[in-house]
Amino acid sequence: MSTISLTLEGTGVITILEQLVERFNDLSEPMDAIAAVMEGASEDALADQQSPVDGSPWPALSDNYLKRNPKRVGGQILQATAGGLAASIAADSGDFWAQIASNKPYAAIHNFGGLPEMAPGPAAIPQREYLGINRDNESELLVILGDFLLES
């Protein structure tokens, strides 16, 4: 096995390395910006009624559902009311993490869809993905992290 050994002498290099270590002990600033990008992607998905990941449109509301809820004909699939799912999406971040979430109990089933082993009503709910990011968002995240690195 080949080995390369590097001995650093002089306070200049060591000072710079210590500053880098200190800088990367807390990534709160870029994580906050990343959480905001994620939240924006979800807001766009809810407004556009399409997956934030691949842009595919959400399945339409079922005829049975529309018969039971005639006011929903022609409206938003996942309502964007003050107390609804869209308003519940919140971003949060810390020194090494970023996330978005909803406190609505039905949030997960709308994002992931129902499963066959669920009761017939929930099992029939199709996936209407609103959490996630696409390649453009990924590029934004890389710019955020790159800018943070360059500030160091």
C-alpha atoms as a PDB file:
ATOM      1  CA  MET A   1       0.000   0.000   0.000  1.00  0.00           C
ATOM      2  CA  SER A   2       1.245   3.477  -0.832  1.00  0.00           C
ATOM      3  CA  THR A   3       1.147   6.148   1.813  1.00  0.00           C
ATOM      4  CA  ILE A   4       1.519   9.883   1.588  1.00  0.00           C
ATOM      5  CA  SER A   5       2.289  11.763   4.740  1.00  0.00           C
ATOM      6  CA  LEU A   6       1.787  15.480   5.049  1.00  0.00           C
ATOM      7  CA  THR A   7       3.180  17.532   7.875  1.00  0.00           C
ATOM      8  CA  LEU A   8       1.828  21.036   8.225  1.00  0.00           C
ATOM      9  CA  GLU A   9       4.074  23.596   9.784  1.00  0.00           C
ATOM     10  CA  GLY A  10       3.422  27.246  10.181  1.00  0.00           C
ATOM     11  CA  THR A  11       0.518  28.986  11.780  1.00  0.00           C
ATOM     12  CA  GLY A  12      -1.035  30.255   8.512  1.00  0.00           C
ATOM     13  CA  VAL A  13      -2.124  26.859   7.197  1.00  0.00           C
ATOM     14  CA  ILE A  14      -3.166  25.605  10.610  1.00  0.00           C
ATOM     15  CA  THR A  15      -5.188  28.778  11.256  1.00  0.00           C
ATOM     16  CA  ILE A  16      -7.041  28.362   7.951  1.00  0.00           C
ATOM     17  CA  LEU A  17      -7.781  24.708   8.686  1.00  0.00           C
ATOM     18  CA  GLU A  18      -9.055  25.609  12.152  1.00  0.00           C
ATOM     19  CA  GLN A  19     -11.315  28.275  10.628  1.00  0.00           C
ATOM     20  CA  LEU A  20     -12.699  25.727   8.143  1.00  0.00           C
ATOM     21  CA  VAL A  21     -13.450  23.273  10.937  1.00  0.00           C
ATOM     22  CA  GLU A  22     -15.181  26.021  12.923  1.00  0.00           C
ATOM     23  CA  ARG A  23     -17.159  27.169   9.876  1.00  0.00           C
ATOM     24  CA  PHE A  24     -18.486  23.665   9.210  1.00  0.00           C
ATOM     25  CA  ASN A  25     -19.508  23.067  12.815  1.00  0.00           C
ATOM     26  CA  ASP A  26     -22.742  24.919  12.095  1.00  0.00           C
ATOM     27  CA  LEU A  27     -24.479  24.818   8.714  1.00  0.00           C
ATOM     28  CA  SER A  28     -27.611  26.583  10.001  1.00  0.00           C
ATOM     29  CA  GLU A  29     -27.412  29.353   7.411  1.00  0.00           C
ATOM     30  CA  PRO A  30     -27.440  27.148   4.292  1.00  0.00           C
ATOM     31  CA  MET A  31     -29.832  24.649   5.921  1.00  0.00           C
ATOM     32  CA  ASP A  32     -32.344  27.462   6.482  1.00  0.00           C
ATOM     33  CA  ALA A  33     -32.109  28.431   2.798  1.00  0.00           C
ATOM     34  CA  ILE A  34     -32.435  24.765   1.745  1.00  0.00           C
ATOM     35  CA  ALA A  35     -35.590  24.353   3.872  1.00  0.00           C
ATOM     36  CA  ALA A  36     -37.038  27.436   2.165  1.00  0.00           C
ATOM     37  CA  VAL A  37     -36.379  25.914  -1.287  1.00  0.00           C
ATOM     38  CA  MET A  38     -38.088  22.685  -0.200  1.00  0.00           C
ATOM     39  CA  GLU A  39     -41.070  24.616   1.160  1.00  0.00           C
ATOM     40  CA  GLY A  40     -41.332  26.601  -2.084  1.00  0.00           C
ATOM     41  CA  ALA A  41     -41.317  23.389  -4.130  1.00  0.00           C
ATOM     42  CA  SER A  42     -44.250  22.078  -2.081  1.00  0.00           C
ATOM     43  CA  GLU A  43     -46.155  25.337  -2.386  1.00  0.00           C
ATOM     44  CA  ASP A  44     -45.674  25.216  -6.164  1.00  0.00           C
ATOM     45  CA  ALA A  45     -46.805  21.576  -6.294  1.00  0.00           C
ATOM     46  CA  LEU A  46     -49.982  22.378  -4.375  1.00  0.00           C
ATOM     47  CA  ALA A  47     -50.732  25.411  -6.547  1.00  0.00           C
ATOM     48  CA  ASP A  48     -49.963  23.602  -9.826  1.00  0.00           C
ATOM     49  CA  GLN A  49     -51.546  20.285  -8.726  1.00  0.00           C
ATOM     50  CA  GLN A  50     -48.559  18.265  -9.867  1.00  0.00           C
ATOM     51  CA  SER A  51     -45.655  16.308  -8.440  1.00  0.00           C
ATOM     52  CA  PRO A  52     -42.763  18.538  -7.391  1.00  0.00           C
ATOM     53  CA  VAL A  53     -40.344  15.758  -8.369  1.00  0.00           C
ATOM     54  CA  ASP A  54     -41.311  14.954 -11.960  1.00  0.00           C
ATOM     55  CA  GLY A  55     -44.100  17.426 -12.779  1.00  0.00           C
ATOM     56  CA  SER A  56     -46.679  14.730 -13.442  1.00  0.00           C
ATOM     57  CA  PRO A  57     -50.261  15.952 -12.891  1.00  0.00           C
ATOM     58  CA  TRP A  58     -52.210  14.615  -9.955  1.00  0.00           C
ATOM     59  CA  PRO A  59     -55.063  12.185 -10.555  1.00  0.00           C
ATOM     60  CA  ALA A  60     -58.442  13.916 -10.798  1.00  0.00           C
ATOM     61  CA  LEU A  61     -60.942  13.641  -7.965  1.00  0.00           C
ATOM     62  CA  SER A  62     -63.105  10.545  -8.390  1.00  0.00           C
ATOM     63  CA  ASP A  63     -66.660  10.784  -9.685  1.00  0.00           C
ATOM     64  CA  ASN A  64     -67.935   9.248  -6.425  1.00  0.00           C
ATOM     65  CA  TYR A  65     -66.115  11.893  -4.393  1.00  0.00           C
ATOM     66  CA  LEU A  66     -67.450  14.716  -6.569  1.00  0.00           C
ATOM     67  CA  LYS A  67     -71.005  13.374  -6.226  1.00  0.00           C
ATOM     68  CA  ARG A  68     -70.652  13.503  -2.444  1.00  0.00           C
ATOM     69  CA  ASN A  69     -68.917  16.912  -2.581  1.00  0.00           C
ATOM     70  CA  PRO A  70     -70.429  18.874  -5.486  1.00  0.00           C
ATOM     71  CA  LYS A  71     -68.762  22.131  -4.364  1.00  0.00           C
ATOM     72  CA  ARG A  72     -65.410  20.579  -5.285  1.00  0.00           C
ATOM     73  CA  VAL A  73     -66.256  20.225  -8.993  1.00  0.00           C
ATOM     74  CA  GLY A  74     -63.752  22.291 -10.942  1.00  0.00           C
ATOM     75  CA  GLY A  75     -61.855  23.318  -7.803  1.00  0.00           C
ATOM     76  CA  GLN A  76     -58.438  22.600  -6.401  1.00  0.00           C
ATOM     77  CA  ILE A  77     -57.763  18.928  -5.684  1.00  0.00           C
ATOM     78  CA  LEU A  78     -56.074  19.660  -2.352  1.00  0.00           C
ATOM     79  CA  GLN A  79     -57.658  22.860  -1.150  1.00  0.00           C
ATOM     80  CA  ALA A  80     -55.444  25.813  -0.377  1.00  0.00           C
ATOM     81  CA  THR A  81     -57.632  27.267   2.366  1.00  0.00           C
ATOM     82  CA  ALA A  82     -56.337  29.027   5.451  1.00  0.00           C
ATOM     83  CA  GLY A  83     -56.746  25.887   7.530  1.00  0.00           C
ATOM     84  CA  GLY A  84     -55.891  23.401   4.801  1.00  0.00           C
ATOM     85  CA  LEU A  85     -52.949  21.286   3.850  1.00  0.00           C
ATOM     86  CA  ALA A  86     -51.082  23.975   1.896  1.00  0.00           C
ATOM     87  CA  ALA A  87     -51.202  26.375   4.833  1.00  0.00           C
ATOM     88  CA  SER A  88     -49.905  23.673   7.170  1.00  0.00           C
ATOM     89  CA  ILE A  89     -46.615  23.100   5.316  1.00  0.00           C
ATOM     90  CA  ALA A  90     -43.810  24.469   7.467  1.00  0.00           C
ATOM     91  CA  ALA A  91     -40.054  24.564   6.978  1.00  0.00           C
ATOM     92  CA  ASP A  92     -37.594  23.967   9.779  1.00  0.00           C
ATOM     93  CA  SER A  93     -33.829  23.593   9.928  1.00  0.00           C
ATOM     94  CA  GLY A  94     -30.894  23.228  12.247  1.00  0.00           C
ATOM     95  CA  ASP A  95     -27.137  23.095  12.170  1.00  0.00           C
ATOM     96  CA  PHE A  96     -26.984  19.986   9.936  1.00  0.00           C
ATOM     97  CA  TRP A  97     -30.550  19.371   8.724  1.00  0.00           C
ATOM     98  CA  ALA A  98     -33.450  20.858   6.801  1.00  0.00           C
ATOM     99  CA  GLN A  99     -37.036  19.603   6.572  1.00  0.00           C
ATOM    100  CA  ILE A 100     -40.575  20.475   5.676  1.00  0.00           C
ATOM    101  CA  ALA A 101     -43.616  18.929   7.274  1.00  0.00           C
ATOM    102  CA  SER A 102     -47.326  19.218   7.891  1.00  0.00           C
ATOM    103  CA  ASN A 103     -49.201  18.787  11.154  1.00  0.00           C
ATOM    104  CA  LYS A 104     -52.324  17.579   9.340  1.00  0.00           C
ATOM    105  CA  PRO A 105     -53.172  13.923  10.109  1.00  0.00           C
ATOM    106  CA  TYR A 106     -54.160  13.323   6.476  1.00  0.00           C
ATOM    107  CA  ALA A 107     -50.962  14.819   5.005  1.00  0.00           C
ATOM    108  CA  ALA A 108     -49.124  11.509   4.538  1.00  0.00           C
ATOM    109  CA  ILE A 109     -51.945   9.678   2.782  1.00  0.00           C
ATOM    110  CA  HIS A 110     -52.243  12.440   0.196  1.00  0.00           C
ATOM    111  CA  ASN A 111     -48.503  12.515  -0.439  1.00  0.00           C
ATOM    112  CA  PHE A 112     -48.024   8.726  -0.578  1.00  0.00           C
ATOM    113  CA  GLY A 113     -51.519   7.453  -1.420  1.00  0.00           C
ATOM    114  CA  GLY A 114     -53.553   4.688   0.146  1.00  0.00           C
ATOM    115  CA  LEU A 115     -52.447   1.075   0.498  1.00  0.00           C
ATOM    116  CA  PRO A 116     -54.433  -2.053  -0.378  1.00  0.00           C
ATOM    117  CA  GLU A 117     -54.479  -3.228   3.253  1.00  0.00           C
ATOM    118  CA  MET A 118     -56.268  -0.027   4.362  1.00  0.00           C
ATOM    119  CA  ALA A 119     -60.015   0.359   4.747  1.00  0.00           C
ATOM    120  CA  PRO A 120     -61.757   0.841   1.357  1.00  0.00           C
ATOM    121  CA  GLY A 121     -62.074   4.648   1.631  1.00  0.00           C
ATOM    122  CA  PRO A 122     -58.445   5.489   2.466  1.00  0.00           C
ATOM    123  CA  ALA A 123     -57.117   2.670   0.288  1.00  0.00           C
ATOM    124  CA  ALA A 124     -58.668   4.346  -2.749  1.00  0.00           C
ATOM    125  CA  ILE A 125     -56.910   7.691  -2.223  1.00  0.00           C
ATOM    126  CA  PRO A 126     -54.369   8.037  -5.030  1.00  0.00           C
ATOM    127  CA  GLN A 127     -50.929   9.507  -4.497  1.00  0.00           C
ATOM    128  CA  ARG A 128     -50.844  13.272  -4.949  1.00  0.00           C
ATOM    129  CA  GLU A 129     -47.215  13.954  -4.202  1.00  0.00           C
ATOM    130  CA  TYR A 130     -46.541  17.454  -2.885  1.00  0.00           C
ATOM    131  CA  LEU A 131     -43.356  16.841  -0.871  1.00  0.00           C
ATOM    132  CA  GLY A 132     -40.096  16.605  -2.780  1.00  0.00           C
ATOM    133  CA  ILE A 133     -37.758  18.473  -5.069  1.00  0.00           C
ATOM    134  CA  ASN A 134     -36.839  18.323  -8.746  1.00  0.00           C
ATOM    135  CA  ARG A 135     -33.518  18.715 -10.572  1.00  0.00           C
ATOM    136  CA  ASP A 136     -33.857  22.513 -10.720  1.00  0.00           C
ATOM    137  CA  ASN A 137     -34.383  22.570  -6.952  1.00  0.00           C
ATOM    138  CA  GLU A 138     -31.359  20.292  -6.523  1.00  0.00           C
ATOM    139  CA  SER A 139     -29.306  22.793  -8.525  1.00  0.00           C
ATOM    140  CA  GLU A 140     -30.518  25.564  -6.207  1.00  0.00           C
ATOM    141  CA  LEU A 141     -29.401  23.526  -3.207  1.00  0.00           C
ATOM    142  CA  LEU A 142     -25.962  23.033  -4.722  1.00  0.00           C
ATOM    143  CA  VAL A 143     -25.658  26.778  -5.363  1.00  0.00           C
ATOM    144  CA  ILE A 144     -26.628  27.485  -1.745  1.00  0.00           C
ATOM    145  CA  LEU A 145     -23.987  25.060  -0.455  1.00  0.00           C
ATOM    146  CA  GLY A 146     -21.408  26.291  -2.981  1.00  0.00           C
ATOM    147  CA  ASP A 147     -21.957  29.890  -1.962  1.00  0.00           C
ATOM    148  CA  PHE A 148     -21.547  28.903   1.679  1.00  0.00           C
ATOM    149  CA  LEU A 149     -18.264  27.150   0.859  1.00  0.00           C
ATOM    150  CA  LEU A 150     -16.981  30.161  -1.052  1.00  0.00           C
ATOM    151  CA  GLU A 151     -17.763  32.470   1.866  1.00  0.00           C
ATOM    152  CA  SER A 152     -15.420  30.400   4.016  1.00  0.00           C
END
